[in-house]
Amino acid sequence: MLRVVLTELALFLAPFIVFALYLRFGRGLDSALSGWSTTAFLLCSLAAVLLVAGGLVLFEMEGRQPTAGSYVPPTWKDGVLVPGHIE
């Protein structure tokens, strides 16, 4: 779960970091706040929300298991625990 939280946090912060790096190295601004406008902040926020939403959708799709078949609960066979699975 910590991996998911850190991934989503990184996806949220990425647009802000990229824009700050663009201001620093692309435009050569020395002040960190001189290039930020309301429009730039809103666009970075929109990009961040879209990245987080896309990351959550991909995370949900990755975790899905096949739903066709019947569920077989965990069992002990020859002293070994066989995990539950779908057949």
PDB file of N, CA and C in Angstrom:
ATOM      1  N   MET A   1       0.819  -1.184   0.000  1.00  0.00           N
ATOM      2  CA  MET A   1       0.000   0.000   0.000  1.00  0.00           C
ATOM      3  C   MET A   1       0.869   1.255   0.000  1.00  0.00           C
ATOM      4  N   LEU A   2       1.995   1.184   0.670  1.00  0.00           N
ATOM      5  CA  LEU A   2       2.895   2.325   0.695  1.00  0.00           C
ATOM      6  C   LEU A   2       3.418   2.631  -0.704  1.00  0.00           C
ATOM      7  N   ARG A   3       3.645   1.590  -1.495  1.00  0.00           N
ATOM      8  CA  ARG A   3       4.102   1.781  -2.872  1.00  0.00           C
ATOM      9  C   ARG A   3       3.077   2.552  -3.680  1.00  0.00           C
ATOM     10  N   VAL A   4       1.809   2.243  -3.483  1.00  0.00           N
ATOM     11  CA  VAL A   4       0.744   2.925  -4.214  1.00  0.00           C
ATOM     12  C   VAL A   4       0.694   4.397  -3.811  1.00  0.00           C
ATOM     13  N   VAL A   5       0.772   4.664  -2.524  1.00  0.00           N
ATOM     14  CA  VAL A   5       0.717   6.049  -2.040  1.00  0.00           C
ATOM     15  C   VAL A   5       1.906   6.845  -2.561  1.00  0.00           C
ATOM     16  N   LEU A   6       3.092   6.272  -2.505  1.00  0.00           N
ATOM     17  CA  LEU A   6       4.272   6.988  -2.990  1.00  0.00           C
ATOM     18  C   LEU A   6       4.228   7.196  -4.501  1.00  0.00           C
ATOM     19  N   THR A   7       3.711   6.221  -5.226  1.00  0.00           N
ATOM     20  CA  THR A   7       3.579   6.369  -6.676  1.00  0.00           C
ATOM     21  C   THR A   7       2.599   7.484  -7.020  1.00  0.00           C
ATOM     22  N   GLU A   8       1.457   7.513  -6.355  1.00  0.00           N
ATOM     23  CA  GLU A   8       0.461   8.553  -6.624  1.00  0.00           C
ATOM     24  C   GLU A   8       0.968   9.929  -6.205  1.00  0.00           C
ATOM     25  N   LEU A   9       1.708  10.003  -5.116  1.00  0.00           N
ATOM     26  CA  LEU A   9       2.303  11.272  -4.688  1.00  0.00           C
ATOM     27  C   LEU A   9       3.321  11.762  -5.711  1.00  0.00           C
ATOM     28  N   ALA A  10       4.129  10.853  -6.233  1.00  0.00           N
ATOM     29  CA  ALA A  10       5.109  11.229  -7.257  1.00  0.00           C
ATOM     30  C   ALA A  10       4.401  11.683  -8.536  1.00  0.00           C
ATOM     31  N   LEU A  11       3.316  11.014  -8.918  1.00  0.00           N
ATOM     32  CA  LEU A  11       2.558  11.429 -10.096  1.00  0.00           C
ATOM     33  C   LEU A  11       1.929  12.803  -9.892  1.00  0.00           C
ATOM     34  N   PHE A  12       1.487  13.090  -8.675  1.00  0.00           N
ATOM     35  CA  PHE A  12       0.889  14.395  -8.399  1.00  0.00           C
ATOM     36  C   PHE A  12       1.930  15.510  -8.437  1.00  0.00           C
ATOM     37  N   LEU A  13       3.101  15.270  -7.900  1.00  0.00           N
ATOM     38  CA  LEU A  13       4.129  16.312  -7.827  1.00  0.00           C
ATOM     39  C   LEU A  13       4.889  16.507  -9.135  1.00  0.00           C
ATOM     40  N   ALA A  14       4.839  15.534 -10.031  1.00  0.00           N
ATOM     41  CA  ALA A  14       5.629  15.587 -11.266  1.00  0.00           C
ATOM     42  C   ALA A  14       5.383  16.839 -12.112  1.00  0.00           C
ATOM     43  N   PRO A  15       4.144  17.244 -12.392  1.00  0.00           N
ATOM     44  CA  PRO A  15       3.967  18.446 -13.213  1.00  0.00           C
ATOM     45  C   PRO A  15       4.544  19.705 -12.576  1.00  0.00           C
ATOM     46  N   PHE A  16       4.432  19.827 -11.267  1.00  0.00           N
ATOM     47  CA  PHE A  16       4.965  20.997 -10.575  1.00  0.00           C
ATOM     48  C   PHE A  16       6.488  21.024 -10.644  1.00  0.00           C
ATOM     49  N   ILE A  17       7.098  19.861 -10.476  1.00  0.00           N
ATOM     50  CA  ILE A  17       8.567  19.781 -10.527  1.00  0.00           C
ATOM     51  C   ILE A  17       9.067  20.055 -11.940  1.00  0.00           C
ATOM     52  N   VAL A  18       8.386  19.492 -12.938  1.00  0.00           N
ATOM     53  CA  VAL A  18       8.793  19.719 -14.329  1.00  0.00           C
ATOM     54  C   VAL A  18       8.668  21.198 -14.684  1.00  0.00           C
ATOM     55  N   PHE A  19       7.596  21.851 -14.269  1.00  0.00           N
ATOM     56  CA  PHE A  19       7.432  23.272 -14.574  1.00  0.00           C
ATOM     57  C   PHE A  19       8.468  24.118 -13.840  1.00  0.00           C
ATOM     58  N   ALA A  20       8.764  23.769 -12.597  1.00  0.00           N
ATOM     59  CA  ALA A  20       9.793  24.507 -11.857  1.00  0.00           C
ATOM     60  C   ALA A  20      11.160  24.343 -12.522  1.00  0.00           C
ATOM     61  N   LEU A  21      11.469  23.136 -12.997  1.00  0.00           N
ATOM     62  CA  LEU A  21      12.730  22.933 -13.709  1.00  0.00           C
ATOM     63  C   LEU A  21      12.753  23.699 -15.025  1.00  0.00           C
ATOM     64  N   TYR A  22      11.610  23.772 -15.698  1.00  0.00           N
ATOM     65  CA  TYR A  22      11.525  24.563 -16.925  1.00  0.00           C
ATOM     66  C   TYR A  22      11.773  26.046 -16.632  1.00  0.00           C
ATOM     67  N   LEU A  23      11.179  26.538 -15.558  1.00  0.00           N
ATOM     68  CA  LEU A  23      11.398  27.941 -15.210  1.00  0.00           C
ATOM     69  C   LEU A  23      12.859  28.211 -14.881  1.00  0.00           C
ATOM     70  N   ARG A  24      13.471  27.291 -14.195  1.00  0.00           N
ATOM     71  CA  ARG A  24      14.859  27.501 -13.754  1.00  0.00           C
ATOM     72  C   ARG A  24      15.835  27.376 -14.915  1.00  0.00           C
ATOM     73  N   PHE A  25      15.717  26.300 -15.699  1.00  0.00           N
ATOM     74  CA  PHE A  25      16.720  26.037 -16.730  1.00  0.00           C
ATOM     75  C   PHE A  25      16.274  26.475 -18.129  1.00  0.00           C
ATOM     76  N   GLY A  26      14.974  26.493 -18.398  1.00  0.00           N
ATOM     77  CA  GLY A  26      14.493  26.907 -19.706  1.00  0.00           C
ATOM     78  C   GLY A  26      14.461  28.414 -19.858  1.00  0.00           C
ATOM     79  N   ARG A  27      13.900  29.068 -18.866  1.00  0.00           N
ATOM     80  CA  ARG A  27      13.813  30.523 -18.897  1.00  0.00           C
ATOM     81  C   ARG A  27      14.949  31.193 -18.147  1.00  0.00           C
ATOM     82  N   GLY A  28      15.624  30.453 -17.312  1.00  0.00           N
ATOM     83  CA  GLY A  28      16.756  31.004 -16.564  1.00  0.00           C
ATOM     84  C   GLY A  28      16.348  31.929 -15.436  1.00  0.00           C
ATOM     85  N   LEU A  29      15.188  31.720 -14.853  1.00  0.00           N
ATOM     86  CA  LEU A  29      14.746  32.558 -13.746  1.00  0.00           C
ATOM     87  C   LEU A  29      15.421  32.102 -12.461  1.00  0.00           C
ATOM     88  N   ASP A  30      15.938  33.047 -11.700  1.00  0.00           N
ATOM     89  CA  ASP A  30      16.596  32.698 -10.446  1.00  0.00           C
ATOM     90  C   ASP A  30      15.602  32.551  -9.299  1.00  0.00           C
ATOM     91  N   SER A  31      14.563  33.355  -9.314  1.00  0.00           N
ATOM     92  CA  SER A  31      13.568  33.291  -8.254  1.00  0.00           C
ATOM     93  C   SER A  31      12.595  32.152  -8.543  1.00  0.00           C
ATOM     94  N   ALA A  32      12.348  31.341  -7.545  1.00  0.00           N
ATOM     95  CA  ALA A  32      11.486  30.172  -7.728  1.00  0.00           C
ATOM     96  C   ALA A  32      10.034  30.570  -7.952  1.00  0.00           C
ATOM     97  N   LEU A  33       9.609  31.721  -7.435  1.00  0.00           N
ATOM     98  CA  LEU A  33       8.205  32.107  -7.519  1.00  0.00           C
ATOM     99  C   LEU A  33       7.913  33.120  -8.619  1.00  0.00           C
ATOM    100  N   SER A  34       8.917  33.639  -9.300  1.00  0.00           N
ATOM    101  CA  SER A  34       8.675  34.717 -10.257  1.00  0.00           C
ATOM    102  C   SER A  34       7.941  34.248 -11.510  1.00  0.00           C
ATOM    103  N   GLY A  35       8.044  33.002 -11.907  1.00  0.00           N
ATOM    104  CA  GLY A  35       7.395  32.518 -13.121  1.00  0.00           C
ATOM    105  C   GLY A  35       6.041  31.893 -12.904  1.00  0.00           C
ATOM    106  N   TRP A  36       5.667  31.679 -11.646  1.00  0.00           N
ATOM    107  CA  TRP A  36       4.397  31.023 -11.353  1.00  0.00           C
ATOM    108  C   TRP A  36       3.259  32.030 -11.455  1.00  0.00           C
ATOM    109  N   SER A  37       2.273  31.697 -12.260  1.00  0.00           N
ATOM    110  CA  SER A  37       1.063  32.506 -12.348  1.00  0.00           C
ATOM    111  C   SER A  37      -0.113  31.620 -11.960  1.00  0.00           C
ATOM    112  N   THR A  38      -1.274  32.224 -11.852  1.00  0.00           N
ATOM    113  CA  THR A  38      -2.463  31.442 -11.519  1.00  0.00           C
ATOM    114  C   THR A  38      -2.757  30.428 -12.612  1.00  0.00           C
ATOM    115  N   THR A  39      -2.588  30.843 -13.855  1.00  0.00           N
ATOM    116  CA  THR A  39      -2.848  29.940 -14.973  1.00  0.00           C
ATOM    117  C   THR A  39      -1.883  28.752 -14.958  1.00  0.00           C
ATOM    118  N   ALA A  40      -0.602  29.032 -14.719  1.00  0.00           N
ATOM    119  CA  ALA A  40       0.382  27.951 -14.671  1.00  0.00           C
ATOM    120  C   ALA A  40       0.078  26.988 -13.528  1.00  0.00           C
ATOM    121  N   PHE A  41      -0.303  27.526 -12.377  1.00  0.00           N
ATOM    122  CA  PHE A  41      -0.628  26.681 -11.232  1.00  0.00           C
ATOM    123  C   PHE A  41      -1.856  25.822 -11.526  1.00  0.00           C
ATOM    124  N   LEU A  42      -2.880  26.407 -12.156  1.00  0.00           N
ATOM    125  CA  LEU A  42      -4.082  25.642 -12.482  1.00  0.00           C
ATOM    126  C   LEU A  42      -3.801  24.561 -13.518  1.00  0.00           C
ATOM    127  N   LEU A  43      -2.985  24.863 -14.516  1.00  0.00           N
ATOM    128  CA  LEU A  43      -2.640  23.851 -15.515  1.00  0.00           C
ATOM    129  C   LEU A  43      -1.824  22.710 -14.902  1.00  0.00           C
ATOM    130  N   CYS A  44      -0.894  23.047 -14.030  1.00  0.00           N
ATOM    131  CA  CYS A  44      -0.126  21.993 -13.343  1.00  0.00           C
ATOM    132  C   CYS A  44      -1.041  21.157 -12.444  1.00  0.00           C
ATOM    133  N   SER A  45      -1.986  21.809 -11.790  1.00  0.00           N
ATOM    134  CA  SER A  45      -2.931  21.079 -10.939  1.00  0.00           C
ATOM    135  C   SER A  45      -3.803  20.147 -11.765  1.00  0.00           C
ATOM    136  N   LEU A  46      -4.278  20.621 -12.912  1.00  0.00           N
ATOM    137  CA  LEU A  46      -5.084  19.787 -13.789  1.00  0.00           C
ATOM    138  C   LEU A  46      -4.288  18.588 -14.299  1.00  0.00           C
ATOM    139  N   ALA A  47      -3.048  18.841 -14.709  1.00  0.00           N
ATOM    140  CA  ALA A  47      -2.192  17.740 -15.169  1.00  0.00           C
ATOM    141  C   ALA A  47      -1.940  16.747 -14.041  1.00  0.00           C
ATOM    142  N   ALA A  48      -1.742  17.242 -12.824  1.00  0.00           N
ATOM    143  CA  ALA A  48      -1.496  16.362 -11.680  1.00  0.00           C
ATOM    144  C   ALA A  48      -2.710  15.495 -11.390  1.00  0.00           C
ATOM    145  N   VAL A  49      -3.886  16.081 -11.416  1.00  0.00           N
ATOM    146  CA  VAL A  49      -5.105  15.311 -11.148  1.00  0.00           C
ATOM    147  C   VAL A  49      -5.312  14.247 -12.223  1.00  0.00           C
ATOM    148  N   LEU A  50      -5.070  14.598 -13.487  1.00  0.00           N
ATOM    149  CA  LEU A  50      -5.210  13.624 -14.566  1.00  0.00           C
ATOM    150  C   LEU A  50      -4.194  12.490 -14.440  1.00  0.00           C
ATOM    151  N   LEU A  51      -2.967  12.816 -14.055  1.00  0.00           N
ATOM    152  CA  LEU A  51      -1.957  11.767 -13.863  1.00  0.00           C
ATOM    153  C   LEU A  51      -2.329  10.839 -12.716  1.00  0.00           C
ATOM    154  N   VAL A  52      -2.807  11.392 -11.612  1.00  0.00           N
ATOM    155  CA  VAL A  52      -3.196  10.564 -10.468  1.00  0.00           C
ATOM    156  C   VAL A  52      -4.390   9.686 -10.834  1.00  0.00           C
ATOM    157  N   ALA A  53      -5.383  10.257 -11.522  1.00  0.00           N
ATOM    158  CA  ALA A  53      -6.551   9.465 -11.920  1.00  0.00           C
ATOM    159  C   ALA A  53      -6.135   8.339 -12.869  1.00  0.00           C
ATOM    160  N   GLY A  54      -5.273   8.641 -13.828  1.00  0.00           N
ATOM    161  CA  GLY A  54      -4.783   7.601 -14.727  1.00  0.00           C
ATOM    162  C   GLY A  54      -3.998   6.530 -13.989  1.00  0.00           C
ATOM    163  N   GLY A  55      -3.186   6.938 -13.020  1.00  0.00           N
ATOM    164  CA  GLY A  55      -2.433   5.967 -12.226  1.00  0.00           C
ATOM    165  C   GLY A  55      -3.343   5.066 -11.410  1.00  0.00           C
ATOM    166  N   LEU A  56      -4.402   5.639 -10.847  1.00  0.00           N
ATOM    167  CA  LEU A  56      -5.340   4.820 -10.079  1.00  0.00           C
ATOM    168  C   LEU A  56      -6.099   3.849 -10.976  1.00  0.00           C
ATOM    169  N   VAL A  57      -6.461   4.284 -12.166  1.00  0.00           N
ATOM    170  CA  VAL A  57      -7.150   3.383 -13.100  1.00  0.00           C
ATOM    171  C   VAL A  57      -6.226   2.237 -13.500  1.00  0.00           C
ATOM    172  N   LEU A  58      -4.982   2.554 -13.823  1.00  0.00           N
ATOM    173  CA  LEU A  58      -4.037   1.496 -14.190  1.00  0.00           C
ATOM    174  C   LEU A  58      -3.757   0.556 -13.025  1.00  0.00           C
ATOM    175  N   PHE A  59      -3.680   1.105 -11.816  1.00  0.00           N
ATOM    176  CA  PHE A  59      -3.467   0.266 -10.636  1.00  0.00           C
ATOM    177  C   PHE A  59      -4.643  -0.689 -10.436  1.00  0.00           C
ATOM    178  N   GLU A  60      -5.855  -0.200 -10.644  1.00  0.00           N
ATOM    179  CA  GLU A  60      -7.034  -1.047 -10.509  1.00  0.00           C
ATOM    180  C   GLU A  60      -7.060  -2.134 -11.574  1.00  0.00           C
ATOM    181  N   MET A  61      -6.707  -1.777 -12.804  1.00  0.00           N
ATOM    182  CA  MET A  61      -6.719  -2.767 -13.889  1.00  0.00           C
ATOM    183  C   MET A  61      -5.642  -3.821 -13.679  1.00  0.00           C
ATOM    184  N   GLU A  62      -4.520  -3.448 -13.098  1.00  0.00           N
ATOM    185  CA  GLU A  62      -3.424  -4.387 -12.861  1.00  0.00           C
ATOM    186  C   GLU A  62      -3.791  -5.423 -11.812  1.00  0.00           C
ATOM    187  N   GLY A  63      -4.592  -5.040 -10.828  1.00  0.00           N
ATOM    188  CA  GLY A  63      -4.915  -5.924  -9.717  1.00  0.00           C
ATOM    189  C   GLY A  63      -6.056  -6.878  -9.974  1.00  0.00           C
ATOM    190  N   ARG A  64      -6.697  -6.780 -11.125  1.00  0.00           N
ATOM    191  CA  ARG A  64      -7.846  -7.644 -11.392  1.00  0.00           C
ATOM    192  C   ARG A  64      -7.402  -9.069 -11.685  1.00  0.00           C
ATOM    193  N   GLN A  65      -8.213  -9.999 -11.234  1.00  0.00           N
ATOM    194  CA  GLN A  65      -7.987 -11.416 -11.464  1.00  0.00           C
ATOM    195  C   GLN A  65      -9.066 -11.934 -12.408  1.00  0.00           C
ATOM    196  N   PRO A  66      -8.842 -13.065 -13.035  1.00  0.00           N
ATOM    197  CA  PRO A  66      -9.888 -13.609 -13.912  1.00  0.00           C
ATOM    198  C   PRO A  66     -11.147 -13.944 -13.112  1.00  0.00           C
ATOM    199  N   THR A  67     -12.292 -13.652 -13.691  1.00  0.00           N
ATOM    200  CA  THR A  67     -13.542 -13.889 -12.972  1.00  0.00           C
ATOM    201  C   THR A  67     -14.308 -15.092 -13.499  1.00  0.00           C
ATOM    202  N   ALA A  68     -13.858 -15.686 -14.584  1.00  0.00           N
ATOM    203  CA  ALA A  68     -14.538 -16.860 -15.119  1.00  0.00           C
ATOM    204  C   ALA A  68     -14.068 -18.099 -14.350  1.00  0.00           C
ATOM    205  N   GLY A  69     -14.982 -18.981 -14.037  1.00  0.00           N
ATOM    206  CA  GLY A  69     -14.619 -20.212 -13.339  1.00  0.00           C
ATOM    207  C   GLY A  69     -15.134 -20.201 -11.918  1.00  0.00           C
ATOM    208  N   SER A  70     -14.715 -21.195 -11.154  1.00  0.00           N
ATOM    209  CA  SER A  70     -15.156 -21.293  -9.762  1.00  0.00           C
ATOM    210  C   SER A  70     -13.959 -21.149  -8.825  1.00  0.00           C
ATOM    211  N   TYR A  71     -14.223 -20.547  -7.680  1.00  0.00           N
ATOM    212  CA  TYR A  71     -13.175 -20.301  -6.697  1.00  0.00           C
ATOM    213  C   TYR A  71     -12.909 -21.563  -5.889  1.00  0.00           C
ATOM    214  N   VAL A  72     -11.639 -21.918  -5.765  1.00  0.00           N
ATOM    215  CA  VAL A  72     -11.219 -23.046  -4.944  1.00  0.00           C
ATOM    216  C   VAL A  72     -10.483 -22.460  -3.740  1.00  0.00           C
ATOM    217  N   PRO A  73     -11.007 -22.686  -2.511  1.00  0.00           N
ATOM    218  CA  PRO A  73     -10.385 -22.098  -1.329  1.00  0.00           C
ATOM    219  C   PRO A  73      -9.025 -22.729  -1.038  1.00  0.00           C
ATOM    220  N   PRO A  74      -8.218 -22.084  -0.201  1.00  0.00           N
ATOM    221  CA  PRO A  74      -6.923 -22.663   0.171  1.00  0.00           C
ATOM    222  C   PRO A  74      -7.098 -24.022   0.844  1.00  0.00           C
ATOM    223  N   THR A  75      -6.214 -24.956   0.515  1.00  0.00           N
ATOM    224  CA  THR A  75      -6.285 -26.299   1.097  1.00  0.00           C
ATOM    225  C   THR A  75      -4.879 -26.781   1.435  1.00  0.00           C
ATOM    226  N   TRP A  76      -4.834 -27.784   2.306  1.00  0.00           N
ATOM    227  CA  TRP A  76      -3.570 -28.441   2.638  1.00  0.00           C
ATOM    228  C   TRP A  76      -3.473 -29.707   1.801  1.00  0.00           C
ATOM    229  N   LYS A  77      -2.373 -29.872   1.045  1.00  0.00           N
ATOM    230  CA  LYS A  77      -2.124 -31.096   0.286  1.00  0.00           C
ATOM    231  C   LYS A  77      -0.710 -31.565   0.597  1.00  0.00           C
ATOM    232  N   ASP A  78      -0.606 -32.732   1.169  1.00  0.00           N
ATOM    233  CA  ASP A  78       0.681 -33.334   1.523  1.00  0.00           C
ATOM    234  C   ASP A  78       1.517 -32.402   2.393  1.00  0.00           C
ATOM    235  N   GLY A  79       0.866 -31.721   3.324  1.00  0.00           N
ATOM    236  CA  GLY A  79       1.571 -30.847   4.257  1.00  0.00           C
ATOM    237  C   GLY A  79       1.971 -29.500   3.677  1.00  0.00           C
ATOM    238  N   VAL A  80       1.497 -29.180   2.494  1.00  0.00           N
ATOM    239  CA  VAL A  80       1.818 -27.910   1.848  1.00  0.00           C
ATOM    240  C   VAL A  80       0.524 -27.143   1.641  1.00  0.00           C
ATOM    241  N   LEU A  81       0.533 -25.865   1.979  1.00  0.00           N
ATOM    242  CA  LEU A  81      -0.637 -25.019   1.793  1.00  0.00           C
ATOM    243  C   LEU A  81      -0.722 -24.585   0.338  1.00  0.00           C
ATOM    244  N   VAL A  82      -1.808 -24.966  -0.316  1.00  0.00           N
ATOM    245  CA  VAL A  82      -2.061 -24.555  -1.700  1.00  0.00           C
ATOM    246  C   VAL A  82      -2.976 -23.334  -1.636  1.00  0.00           C
ATOM    247  N   PRO A  83      -2.536 -22.176  -2.132  1.00  0.00           N
ATOM    248  CA  PRO A  83      -3.361 -20.969  -2.016  1.00  0.00           C
ATOM    249  C   PRO A  83      -4.659 -21.080  -2.803  1.00  0.00           C
ATOM    250  N   GLY A  84      -5.627 -20.266  -2.432  1.00  0.00           N
ATOM    251  CA  GLY A  84      -6.875 -20.237  -3.150  1.00  0.00           C
ATOM    252  C   GLY A  84      -6.662 -19.736  -4.577  1.00  0.00           C
ATOM    253  N   HIS A  85      -7.473 -20.269  -5.484  1.00  0.00           N
ATOM    254  CA  HIS A  85      -7.333 -19.888  -6.882  1.00  0.00           C
ATOM    255  C   HIS A  85      -8.656 -20.105  -7.604  1.00  0.00           C
ATOM    256  N   ILE A  86      -8.707 -19.667  -8.852  1.00  0.00           N
ATOM    257  CA  ILE A  86      -9.907 -19.837  -9.674  1.00  0.00           C
ATOM    258  C   ILE A  86      -9.613 -20.862 -10.739  1.00  0.00           C
ATOM    259  N   GLU A  87     -10.487 -21.831 -10.858  1.00  0.00           N
ATOM    260  CA  GLU A  87     -10.329 -22.866 -11.896  1.00  0.00           C
ATOM    261  C   GLU A  87     -11.355 -22.685 -12.969  1.00  0.00           C
TER     262      GLU A  87
END
